[in-house]
Amino acid sequence: MKKTVVICGDCGEKELTREIVRMCGENGGALVCDGDRIYRTAEDPFFLIFSVCTLSDLYLPGSIVVLGKALLQIRQDMNMEKCICILDGENRDAAMLAASSGAAAIGCSMSGHDTMTVSAFNEDDRAVITLRRRILTENATIEPCEFIVRRTDEKNIYPLLAASAVLLVSGKIPN
């Protein structure tokens, strides 16, 4: 079954969207709708990715919603029940939106209180990602673990953590 990913509030340089598309493309392929562009990275993609700067309604139970920084044009009382919401634990607006939406939330940052974080960086552009606590998805329970991913951006870690979380809750082991 294909997995739907909705990226909300990633405007401008779209670092978050680029990283999620890169990692999903390498782990099953993606059909991407990003503003005025629609493309796919594989013949039969596993992921359906929608990247939006504005959103007034969302009814895609079972989807993964990834929150970016620009949430001013995202409706704050959206019902994301039965969705998994991935957010930057340092982003207060994203945390408030996730808390009011009914979605299960996965916080990602370098903070000690978030579900996913980076525990180490290797010299060869790889990061050790740590899942600190159990995640319940519609199909599985994911226990705390560590895995290694290739990183492309050394300055902003949230896109890498968010993309890793998307893969993990989709049943794909990030690589």
N, C-alpha and C. Protein backbone atom coordinates (compact mmCIF):
# COMPACT_ATOMS: atom_id res chain seq x y z
N MET A 1 0.83 -1.18 0.00
CA MET A 1 0.00 0.00 0.00
C MET A 1 0.88 1.25 0.00
N LYS A 2 0.61 2.16 -0.90
CA LYS A 2 1.39 3.39 -1.01
C LYS A 2 1.18 4.27 0.22
N LYS A 3 2.17 5.08 0.53
CA LYS A 3 2.12 5.96 1.69
C LYS A 3 2.02 7.40 1.23
N THR A 4 1.06 8.14 1.81
CA THR A 4 0.85 9.54 1.46
C THR A 4 1.55 10.43 2.49
N VAL A 5 2.31 11.40 1.98
CA VAL A 5 3.03 12.36 2.81
C VAL A 5 2.58 13.75 2.39
N VAL A 6 2.14 14.56 3.36
CA VAL A 6 1.75 15.93 3.09
C VAL A 6 2.71 16.84 3.85
N ILE A 7 3.47 17.65 3.12
CA ILE A 7 4.42 18.58 3.72
C ILE A 7 3.76 19.95 3.73
N CYS A 8 3.55 20.50 4.91
CA CYS A 8 2.86 21.79 5.07
C CYS A 8 3.83 22.87 5.52
N GLY A 9 3.80 24.01 4.86
CA GLY A 9 4.56 25.15 5.34
C GLY A 9 6.04 25.10 5.05
N ASP A 10 6.43 24.48 3.95
CA ASP A 10 7.84 24.48 3.54
C ASP A 10 7.95 25.37 2.30
N CYS A 11 8.07 26.66 2.54
CA CYS A 11 8.10 27.63 1.45
C CYS A 11 9.53 28.14 1.27
N GLY A 12 9.76 28.85 0.19
CA GLY A 12 11.08 29.41 -0.06
C GLY A 12 12.00 28.39 -0.69
N GLU A 13 13.11 28.08 -0.03
CA GLU A 13 14.11 27.17 -0.59
C GLU A 13 13.69 25.71 -0.58
N LYS A 14 12.67 25.38 0.17
CA LYS A 14 12.10 24.02 0.22
C LYS A 14 13.12 22.95 0.60
N GLU A 15 13.95 23.25 1.59
CA GLU A 15 14.94 22.27 2.08
C GLU A 15 14.27 21.01 2.60
N LEU A 16 13.16 21.18 3.31
CA LEU A 16 12.45 20.05 3.90
C LEU A 16 11.89 19.15 2.80
N THR A 17 11.23 19.74 1.83
CA THR A 17 10.67 18.95 0.71
C THR A 17 11.77 18.24 -0.06
N ARG A 18 12.85 18.94 -0.36
CA ARG A 18 13.96 18.32 -1.12
C ARG A 18 14.53 17.09 -0.39
N GLU A 19 14.71 17.21 0.92
CA GLU A 19 15.30 16.09 1.68
C GLU A 19 14.32 14.92 1.77
N ILE A 20 13.04 15.19 1.98
CA ILE A 20 12.06 14.10 2.03
C ILE A 20 11.96 13.42 0.68
N VAL A 21 11.92 14.18 -0.40
CA VAL A 21 11.86 13.59 -1.75
C VAL A 21 13.12 12.77 -2.02
N ARG A 22 14.28 13.29 -1.64
CA ARG A 22 15.54 12.56 -1.86
C ARG A 22 15.51 11.21 -1.15
N MET A 23 15.18 11.22 0.14
CA MET A 23 15.23 9.97 0.89
C MET A 23 14.11 9.01 0.48
N CYS A 24 12.92 9.52 0.21
CA CYS A 24 11.83 8.65 -0.25
C CYS A 24 12.15 8.11 -1.64
N GLY A 25 12.76 8.94 -2.48
CA GLY A 25 13.16 8.50 -3.81
C GLY A 25 14.16 7.36 -3.76
N GLU A 26 15.04 7.39 -2.79
CA GLU A 26 16.05 6.33 -2.63
C GLU A 26 15.49 5.09 -1.94
N ASN A 27 14.30 5.19 -1.36
CA ASN A 27 13.74 4.09 -0.57
C ASN A 27 12.32 3.74 -1.02
N GLY A 28 12.13 3.54 -2.29
CA GLY A 28 10.83 3.13 -2.81
C GLY A 28 10.29 4.02 -3.91
N GLY A 29 10.85 5.21 -4.06
CA GLY A 29 10.41 6.13 -5.10
C GLY A 29 9.25 6.99 -4.65
N ALA A 30 9.08 8.12 -5.34
CA ALA A 30 8.03 9.07 -4.96
C ALA A 30 7.37 9.69 -6.18
N LEU A 31 6.06 9.88 -6.08
CA LEU A 31 5.31 10.73 -6.99
C LEU A 31 5.11 12.02 -6.23
N VAL A 32 5.57 13.15 -6.79
CA VAL A 32 5.64 14.40 -6.06
C VAL A 32 4.79 15.47 -6.74
N CYS A 33 3.95 16.13 -5.93
CA CYS A 33 3.20 17.31 -6.37
C CYS A 33 3.69 18.46 -5.50
N ASP A 34 4.47 19.35 -6.09
CA ASP A 34 5.13 20.42 -5.35
C ASP A 34 4.83 21.75 -6.03
N GLY A 35 3.75 22.37 -5.61
CA GLY A 35 3.36 23.65 -6.21
C GLY A 35 2.98 23.48 -7.67
N ASP A 36 3.77 24.03 -8.57
CA ASP A 36 3.48 23.95 -9.99
C ASP A 36 4.22 22.80 -10.69
N ARG A 37 4.82 21.91 -9.92
CA ARG A 37 5.57 20.78 -10.48
C ARG A 37 4.97 19.46 -10.03
N ILE A 38 4.84 18.52 -10.96
CA ILE A 38 4.43 17.16 -10.66
C ILE A 38 5.42 16.24 -11.36
N TYR A 39 6.05 15.35 -10.60
CA TYR A 39 7.04 14.45 -11.18
C TYR A 39 7.15 13.19 -10.33
N ARG A 40 7.83 12.19 -10.87
CA ARG A 40 8.07 10.98 -10.08
C ARG A 40 9.54 10.60 -10.16
N THR A 41 9.98 9.89 -9.14
CA THR A 41 11.38 9.49 -9.06
C THR A 41 11.59 8.02 -9.39
N ALA A 42 10.49 7.29 -9.59
CA ALA A 42 10.56 5.86 -9.91
C ALA A 42 9.32 5.48 -10.72
N GLU A 43 9.40 4.38 -11.43
CA GLU A 43 8.30 3.94 -12.27
C GLU A 43 7.03 3.64 -11.47
N ASP A 44 7.16 2.92 -10.38
CA ASP A 44 6.01 2.58 -9.53
C ASP A 44 6.32 3.05 -8.11
N PRO A 45 6.17 4.35 -7.82
CA PRO A 45 6.61 4.89 -6.53
C PRO A 45 5.77 4.42 -5.35
N PHE A 46 6.44 4.21 -4.23
CA PHE A 46 5.79 3.82 -2.97
C PHE A 46 5.16 5.02 -2.27
N PHE A 47 5.79 6.19 -2.39
CA PHE A 47 5.34 7.40 -1.69
C PHE A 47 4.61 8.35 -2.63
N LEU A 48 3.52 8.95 -2.12
CA LEU A 48 2.82 10.04 -2.78
C LEU A 48 3.08 11.27 -1.92
N ILE A 49 3.78 12.26 -2.45
CA ILE A 49 4.21 13.41 -1.65
C ILE A 49 3.56 14.68 -2.19
N PHE A 50 2.89 15.41 -1.30
CA PHE A 50 2.28 16.69 -1.63
C PHE A 50 2.95 17.75 -0.77
N SER A 51 3.49 18.80 -1.39
CA SER A 51 4.11 19.88 -0.63
C SER A 51 3.30 21.15 -0.87
N VAL A 52 2.75 21.72 0.22
CA VAL A 52 1.87 22.89 0.11
C VAL A 52 2.31 23.99 1.07
N CYS A 53 2.11 25.23 0.63
CA CYS A 53 2.37 26.38 1.50
C CYS A 53 1.09 26.86 2.16
N THR A 54 -0.05 26.57 1.51
CA THR A 54 -1.35 26.91 2.09
C THR A 54 -2.19 25.65 2.14
N LEU A 55 -3.00 25.53 3.18
CA LEU A 55 -3.88 24.37 3.31
C LEU A 55 -5.04 24.74 4.23
N SER A 56 -6.25 24.56 3.72
CA SER A 56 -7.42 24.88 4.54
C SER A 56 -8.17 23.63 4.99
N ASP A 57 -7.91 22.49 4.35
CA ASP A 57 -8.59 21.26 4.75
C ASP A 57 -7.73 20.06 4.38
N LEU A 58 -7.81 19.04 5.18
CA LEU A 58 -7.05 17.82 4.94
C LEU A 58 -7.88 16.65 5.43
N TYR A 59 -8.20 15.74 4.54
CA TYR A 59 -8.86 14.51 4.96
C TYR A 59 -8.16 13.36 4.25
N LEU A 60 -7.09 12.90 4.83
CA LEU A 60 -6.32 11.78 4.33
C LEU A 60 -5.93 10.91 5.52
N PRO A 61 -6.90 10.21 6.13
CA PRO A 61 -6.56 9.37 7.29
C PRO A 61 -5.45 8.39 6.95
N GLY A 62 -4.53 8.22 7.88
CA GLY A 62 -3.42 7.31 7.67
C GLY A 62 -2.23 7.95 7.00
N SER A 63 -2.33 9.22 6.67
CA SER A 63 -1.21 9.89 6.01
C SER A 63 -0.21 10.41 7.04
N ILE A 64 0.94 10.81 6.52
CA ILE A 64 1.99 11.41 7.34
C ILE A 64 2.00 12.89 7.00
N VAL A 65 1.86 13.75 8.01
CA VAL A 65 1.86 15.20 7.80
C VAL A 65 3.16 15.73 8.41
N VAL A 66 3.96 16.40 7.59
CA VAL A 66 5.23 16.96 8.04
C VAL A 66 5.08 18.48 8.07
N LEU A 67 5.34 19.07 9.22
CA LEU A 67 5.18 20.51 9.39
C LEU A 67 6.51 21.24 9.22
N GLY A 68 6.49 22.26 8.37
CA GLY A 68 7.65 23.11 8.15
C GLY A 68 7.58 24.35 9.03
N LYS A 69 8.32 25.38 8.63
CA LYS A 69 8.41 26.60 9.44
C LYS A 69 7.32 27.61 9.13
N ALA A 70 6.83 27.66 7.88
CA ALA A 70 5.90 28.71 7.44
C ALA A 70 4.46 28.24 7.56
N LEU A 71 3.91 28.28 8.77
CA LEU A 71 2.59 27.72 9.03
C LEU A 71 1.47 28.77 9.09
N LEU A 72 1.76 30.00 8.73
CA LEU A 72 0.76 31.06 8.83
C LEU A 72 -0.45 30.82 7.93
N GLN A 73 -0.26 30.16 6.79
CA GLN A 73 -1.36 29.92 5.86
C GLN A 73 -1.87 28.48 5.94
N ILE A 74 -1.58 27.82 7.03
CA ILE A 74 -2.09 26.47 7.28
C ILE A 74 -3.18 26.60 8.33
N ARG A 75 -4.35 26.12 8.03
CA ARG A 75 -5.48 26.24 8.95
C ARG A 75 -5.15 25.58 10.29
N GLN A 76 -5.31 26.32 11.35
CA GLN A 76 -4.88 25.86 12.67
C GLN A 76 -5.82 24.87 13.33
N ASP A 77 -7.06 24.78 12.87
CA ASP A 77 -8.00 23.84 13.50
C ASP A 77 -8.30 22.65 12.60
N MET A 78 -7.34 22.29 11.76
CA MET A 78 -7.51 21.15 10.88
C MET A 78 -7.57 19.86 11.68
N ASN A 79 -8.40 18.94 11.24
CA ASN A 79 -8.51 17.65 11.90
C ASN A 79 -7.54 16.68 11.22
N MET A 80 -6.49 16.32 11.93
CA MET A 80 -5.52 15.36 11.40
C MET A 80 -5.59 14.05 12.18
N GLU A 81 -6.78 13.74 12.71
CA GLU A 81 -6.97 12.50 13.43
C GLU A 81 -6.62 11.33 12.52
N LYS A 82 -6.00 10.31 13.07
CA LYS A 82 -5.54 9.11 12.36
C LYS A 82 -4.36 9.40 11.43
N CYS A 83 -3.73 10.55 11.59
CA CYS A 83 -2.51 10.88 10.86
C CYS A 83 -1.34 10.86 11.84
N ILE A 84 -0.16 10.76 11.31
CA ILE A 84 1.05 10.94 12.10
C ILE A 84 1.64 12.27 11.69
N CYS A 85 1.91 13.11 12.66
CA CYS A 85 2.41 14.46 12.41
C CYS A 85 3.87 14.53 12.85
N ILE A 86 4.73 14.91 11.93
CA ILE A 86 6.16 15.06 12.21
C ILE A 86 6.47 16.55 12.28
N LEU A 87 7.17 16.96 13.33
CA LEU A 87 7.42 18.39 13.51
C LEU A 87 8.77 18.64 14.14
N ASP A 88 9.25 19.85 13.93
CA ASP A 88 10.48 20.31 14.57
C ASP A 88 10.13 20.64 16.01
N GLY A 89 10.71 19.93 16.95
CA GLY A 89 10.41 20.13 18.36
C GLY A 89 10.73 21.53 18.85
N GLU A 90 11.54 22.27 18.10
CA GLU A 90 11.89 23.64 18.47
C GLU A 90 10.88 24.65 17.95
N ASN A 91 9.92 24.22 17.12
CA ASN A 91 8.96 25.11 16.48
C ASN A 91 7.66 25.12 17.29
N ARG A 92 7.45 26.17 18.05
CA ARG A 92 6.28 26.28 18.93
C ARG A 92 4.97 26.26 18.15
N ASP A 93 4.91 26.93 16.98
CA ASP A 93 3.68 26.94 16.17
C ASP A 93 3.33 25.54 15.69
N ALA A 94 4.34 24.79 15.28
CA ALA A 94 4.10 23.42 14.82
C ALA A 94 3.61 22.55 15.97
N ALA A 95 4.19 22.72 17.14
CA ALA A 95 3.77 21.93 18.31
C ALA A 95 2.33 22.23 18.68
N MET A 96 1.93 23.50 18.61
CA MET A 96 0.55 23.86 18.93
C MET A 96 -0.42 23.31 17.89
N LEU A 97 -0.05 23.37 16.62
CA LEU A 97 -0.89 22.83 15.56
C LEU A 97 -1.06 21.32 15.74
N ALA A 98 0.01 20.62 15.99
CA ALA A 98 -0.06 19.17 16.17
C ALA A 98 -0.90 18.81 17.40
N ALA A 99 -0.73 19.55 18.47
CA ALA A 99 -1.48 19.26 19.70
C ALA A 99 -2.98 19.45 19.52
N SER A 100 -3.38 20.42 18.71
CA SER A 100 -4.80 20.69 18.53
C SER A 100 -5.44 19.87 17.41
N SER A 101 -4.64 19.12 16.66
CA SER A 101 -5.13 18.44 15.46
C SER A 101 -5.67 17.04 15.69
N GLY A 102 -5.28 16.41 16.77
CA GLY A 102 -5.68 15.02 17.00
C GLY A 102 -4.71 14.01 16.43
N ALA A 103 -3.62 14.47 15.83
CA ALA A 103 -2.63 13.56 15.24
C ALA A 103 -1.65 13.07 16.30
N ALA A 104 -1.12 11.88 16.08
CA ALA A 104 0.01 11.41 16.88
C ALA A 104 1.23 12.19 16.41
N ALA A 105 2.00 12.75 17.32
CA ALA A 105 3.12 13.62 16.94
C ALA A 105 4.46 12.97 17.21
N ILE A 106 5.40 13.24 16.31
CA ILE A 106 6.79 12.82 16.46
C ILE A 106 7.64 14.08 16.38
N GLY A 107 8.23 14.45 17.51
CA GLY A 107 9.10 15.61 17.55
C GLY A 107 10.50 15.23 17.12
N CYS A 108 11.11 16.09 16.30
CA CYS A 108 12.45 15.84 15.77
C CYS A 108 13.31 17.08 15.98
N SER A 109 14.38 16.93 16.75
CA SER A 109 15.34 18.03 16.93
C SER A 109 16.54 17.50 17.71
N MET A 110 17.44 18.40 18.00
CA MET A 110 18.61 18.03 18.81
C MET A 110 18.30 18.13 20.30
N SER A 111 17.07 18.48 20.64
CA SER A 111 16.66 18.63 22.03
C SER A 111 16.53 17.27 22.71
N GLY A 112 16.75 17.25 24.00
CA GLY A 112 16.66 16.03 24.77
C GLY A 112 15.24 15.50 24.97
N HIS A 113 14.23 16.30 24.66
CA HIS A 113 12.85 15.86 24.90
C HIS A 113 12.16 15.31 23.65
N ASP A 114 12.78 15.37 22.49
CA ASP A 114 12.12 14.92 21.26
C ASP A 114 12.28 13.42 21.02
N THR A 115 11.39 12.89 20.19
CA THR A 115 11.36 11.46 19.88
C THR A 115 12.54 11.03 19.02
N MET A 116 12.90 11.87 18.05
CA MET A 116 14.04 11.55 17.17
C MET A 116 15.09 12.63 17.25
N THR A 117 16.34 12.21 17.27
CA THR A 117 17.44 13.15 17.33
C THR A 117 18.66 12.54 16.64
N VAL A 118 19.68 13.34 16.47
CA VAL A 118 20.96 12.86 15.95
C VAL A 118 21.86 12.61 17.14
N SER A 119 22.40 11.41 17.24
CA SER A 119 23.28 11.10 18.37
C SER A 119 24.76 11.21 18.01
N ALA A 120 25.08 11.20 16.71
CA ALA A 120 26.48 11.33 16.30
C ALA A 120 26.55 11.67 14.82
N PHE A 121 27.65 12.31 14.45
CA PHE A 121 27.97 12.56 13.04
C PHE A 121 29.26 11.83 12.72
N ASN A 122 29.27 11.13 11.61
CA ASN A 122 30.48 10.45 11.16
C ASN A 122 31.23 11.36 10.19
N GLU A 123 32.48 11.06 9.96
CA GLU A 123 33.30 11.86 9.07
C GLU A 123 32.89 11.74 7.61
N ASP A 124 32.20 10.69 7.24
CA ASP A 124 31.86 10.45 5.84
C ASP A 124 30.43 10.90 5.48
N ASP A 125 30.01 12.06 5.99
CA ASP A 125 28.69 12.64 5.71
C ASP A 125 27.54 11.73 6.08
N ARG A 126 27.66 11.06 7.19
CA ARG A 126 26.58 10.21 7.69
C ARG A 126 26.23 10.67 9.10
N ALA A 127 24.98 10.45 9.45
CA ALA A 127 24.50 10.80 10.79
C ALA A 127 23.88 9.57 11.43
N VAL A 128 24.10 9.42 12.71
CA VAL A 128 23.45 8.36 13.48
C VAL A 128 22.19 8.96 14.07
N ILE A 129 21.04 8.44 13.64
CA ILE A 129 19.73 8.92 14.08
C ILE A 129 19.25 7.99 15.19
N THR A 130 18.74 8.58 16.26
CA THR A 130 18.24 7.80 17.38
C THR A 130 16.74 8.02 17.55
N LEU A 131 16.00 6.91 17.57
CA LEU A 131 14.59 6.93 17.95
C LEU A 131 14.58 6.64 19.44
N ARG A 132 14.18 7.62 20.25
CA ARG A 132 14.28 7.52 21.69
C ARG A 132 13.14 6.79 22.37
N ARG A 133 11.99 6.80 21.74
CA ARG A 133 10.84 6.12 22.38
C ARG A 133 10.00 5.41 21.33
N ARG A 134 9.19 4.50 21.79
CA ARG A 134 8.33 3.67 20.95
C ARG A 134 7.36 4.54 20.15
N ILE A 135 7.15 4.17 18.88
CA ILE A 135 6.16 4.82 18.01
C ILE A 135 5.13 3.77 17.63
N LEU A 136 3.87 4.14 17.76
CA LEU A 136 2.78 3.27 17.34
C LEU A 136 2.24 3.78 16.01
N THR A 137 2.25 2.93 14.99
CA THR A 137 1.66 3.29 13.70
C THR A 137 0.41 2.44 13.51
N GLU A 138 -0.28 2.65 12.39
CA GLU A 138 -1.50 1.86 12.15
C GLU A 138 -1.19 0.38 11.94
N ASN A 139 0.04 0.06 11.53
CA ASN A 139 0.39 -1.33 11.22
C ASN A 139 1.44 -1.96 12.12
N ALA A 140 2.12 -1.14 12.92
CA ALA A 140 3.24 -1.71 13.66
C ALA A 140 3.59 -0.86 14.88
N THR A 141 4.41 -1.44 15.73
CA THR A 141 5.03 -0.73 16.84
C THR A 141 6.52 -0.69 16.53
N ILE A 142 7.08 0.50 16.54
CA ILE A 142 8.51 0.66 16.25
C ILE A 142 9.21 0.95 17.57
N GLU A 143 10.11 0.07 17.92
CA GLU A 143 10.82 0.19 19.18
C GLU A 143 12.01 1.14 19.04
N PRO A 144 12.48 1.71 20.14
CA PRO A 144 13.66 2.58 20.08
C PRO A 144 14.82 1.88 19.38
N CYS A 145 15.53 2.64 18.56
CA CYS A 145 16.63 2.08 17.77
C CYS A 145 17.54 3.19 17.27
N GLU A 146 18.61 2.79 16.65
CA GLU A 146 19.52 3.72 15.98
C GLU A 146 19.75 3.22 14.56
N PHE A 147 19.95 4.16 13.65
CA PHE A 147 20.28 3.81 12.27
C PHE A 147 21.11 4.94 11.68
N ILE A 148 21.79 4.64 10.61
CA ILE A 148 22.70 5.60 9.98
C ILE A 148 22.12 6.04 8.64
N VAL A 149 22.14 7.36 8.39
CA VAL A 149 21.68 7.91 7.12
C VAL A 149 22.73 8.85 6.55
N ARG A 150 22.69 9.00 5.24
CA ARG A 150 23.57 9.95 4.55
C ARG A 150 22.96 11.33 4.68
N ARG A 151 23.78 12.30 4.99
CA ARG A 151 23.27 13.67 5.10
C ARG A 151 23.82 14.52 3.96
N THR A 152 23.00 15.47 3.52
CA THR A 152 23.41 16.35 2.42
C THR A 152 23.55 17.80 2.86
N ASP A 153 23.01 18.15 4.03
CA ASP A 153 23.03 19.52 4.51
C ASP A 153 23.58 19.52 5.93
N GLU A 154 24.67 20.22 6.13
CA GLU A 154 25.30 20.22 7.45
C GLU A 154 24.73 21.27 8.38
N LYS A 155 23.97 22.25 7.86
CA LYS A 155 23.53 23.33 8.73
C LYS A 155 22.13 23.13 9.33
N ASN A 156 21.22 22.51 8.60
CA ASN A 156 19.85 22.34 9.10
C ASN A 156 19.54 20.86 9.26
N ILE A 157 19.40 20.40 10.48
CA ILE A 157 19.24 18.97 10.76
C ILE A 157 17.79 18.51 10.71
N TYR A 158 16.82 19.42 10.89
CA TYR A 158 15.41 19.00 10.91
C TYR A 158 14.98 18.28 9.63
N PRO A 159 15.31 18.75 8.42
CA PRO A 159 14.89 18.01 7.22
C PRO A 159 15.37 16.56 7.20
N LEU A 160 16.59 16.32 7.66
CA LEU A 160 17.11 14.96 7.71
C LEU A 160 16.34 14.11 8.72
N LEU A 161 16.07 14.67 9.89
CA LEU A 161 15.30 13.95 10.91
C LEU A 161 13.87 13.68 10.44
N ALA A 162 13.23 14.68 9.83
CA ALA A 162 11.86 14.51 9.36
C ALA A 162 11.79 13.45 8.27
N ALA A 163 12.71 13.48 7.31
CA ALA A 163 12.73 12.47 6.25
C ALA A 163 12.97 11.08 6.82
N SER A 164 13.84 10.97 7.81
CA SER A 164 14.10 9.68 8.46
C SER A 164 12.84 9.19 9.17
N ALA A 165 12.12 10.09 9.82
CA ALA A 165 10.87 9.71 10.51
C ALA A 165 9.82 9.24 9.50
N VAL A 166 9.72 9.91 8.36
CA VAL A 166 8.77 9.50 7.31
C VAL A 166 9.06 8.05 6.89
N LEU A 167 10.33 7.77 6.65
CA LEU A 167 10.69 6.41 6.23
C LEU A 167 10.41 5.40 7.33
N LEU A 168 10.78 5.74 8.55
CA LEU A 168 10.61 4.81 9.67
C LEU A 168 9.15 4.44 9.88
N VAL A 169 8.25 5.43 9.91
CA VAL A 169 6.84 5.11 10.15
C VAL A 169 6.17 4.48 8.93
N SER A 170 6.84 4.53 7.78
CA SER A 170 6.32 3.89 6.56
C SER A 170 6.81 2.46 6.42
N GLY A 171 7.61 2.01 7.39
CA GLY A 171 8.12 0.65 7.34
C GLY A 171 9.37 0.49 6.52
N LYS A 172 9.99 1.59 6.16
CA LYS A 172 11.24 1.56 5.40
C LYS A 172 12.37 1.89 6.34
N ILE A 173 13.42 1.12 6.31
CA ILE A 173 14.59 1.41 7.12
C ILE A 173 15.42 2.44 6.36
N PRO A 174 15.59 3.63 6.91
CA PRO A 174 16.38 4.66 6.21
C PRO A 174 17.79 4.20 5.94
N ASN A 175 18.32 4.63 4.78
CA ASN A 175 19.73 4.31 4.46
C ASN A 175 20.41 5.50 3.87
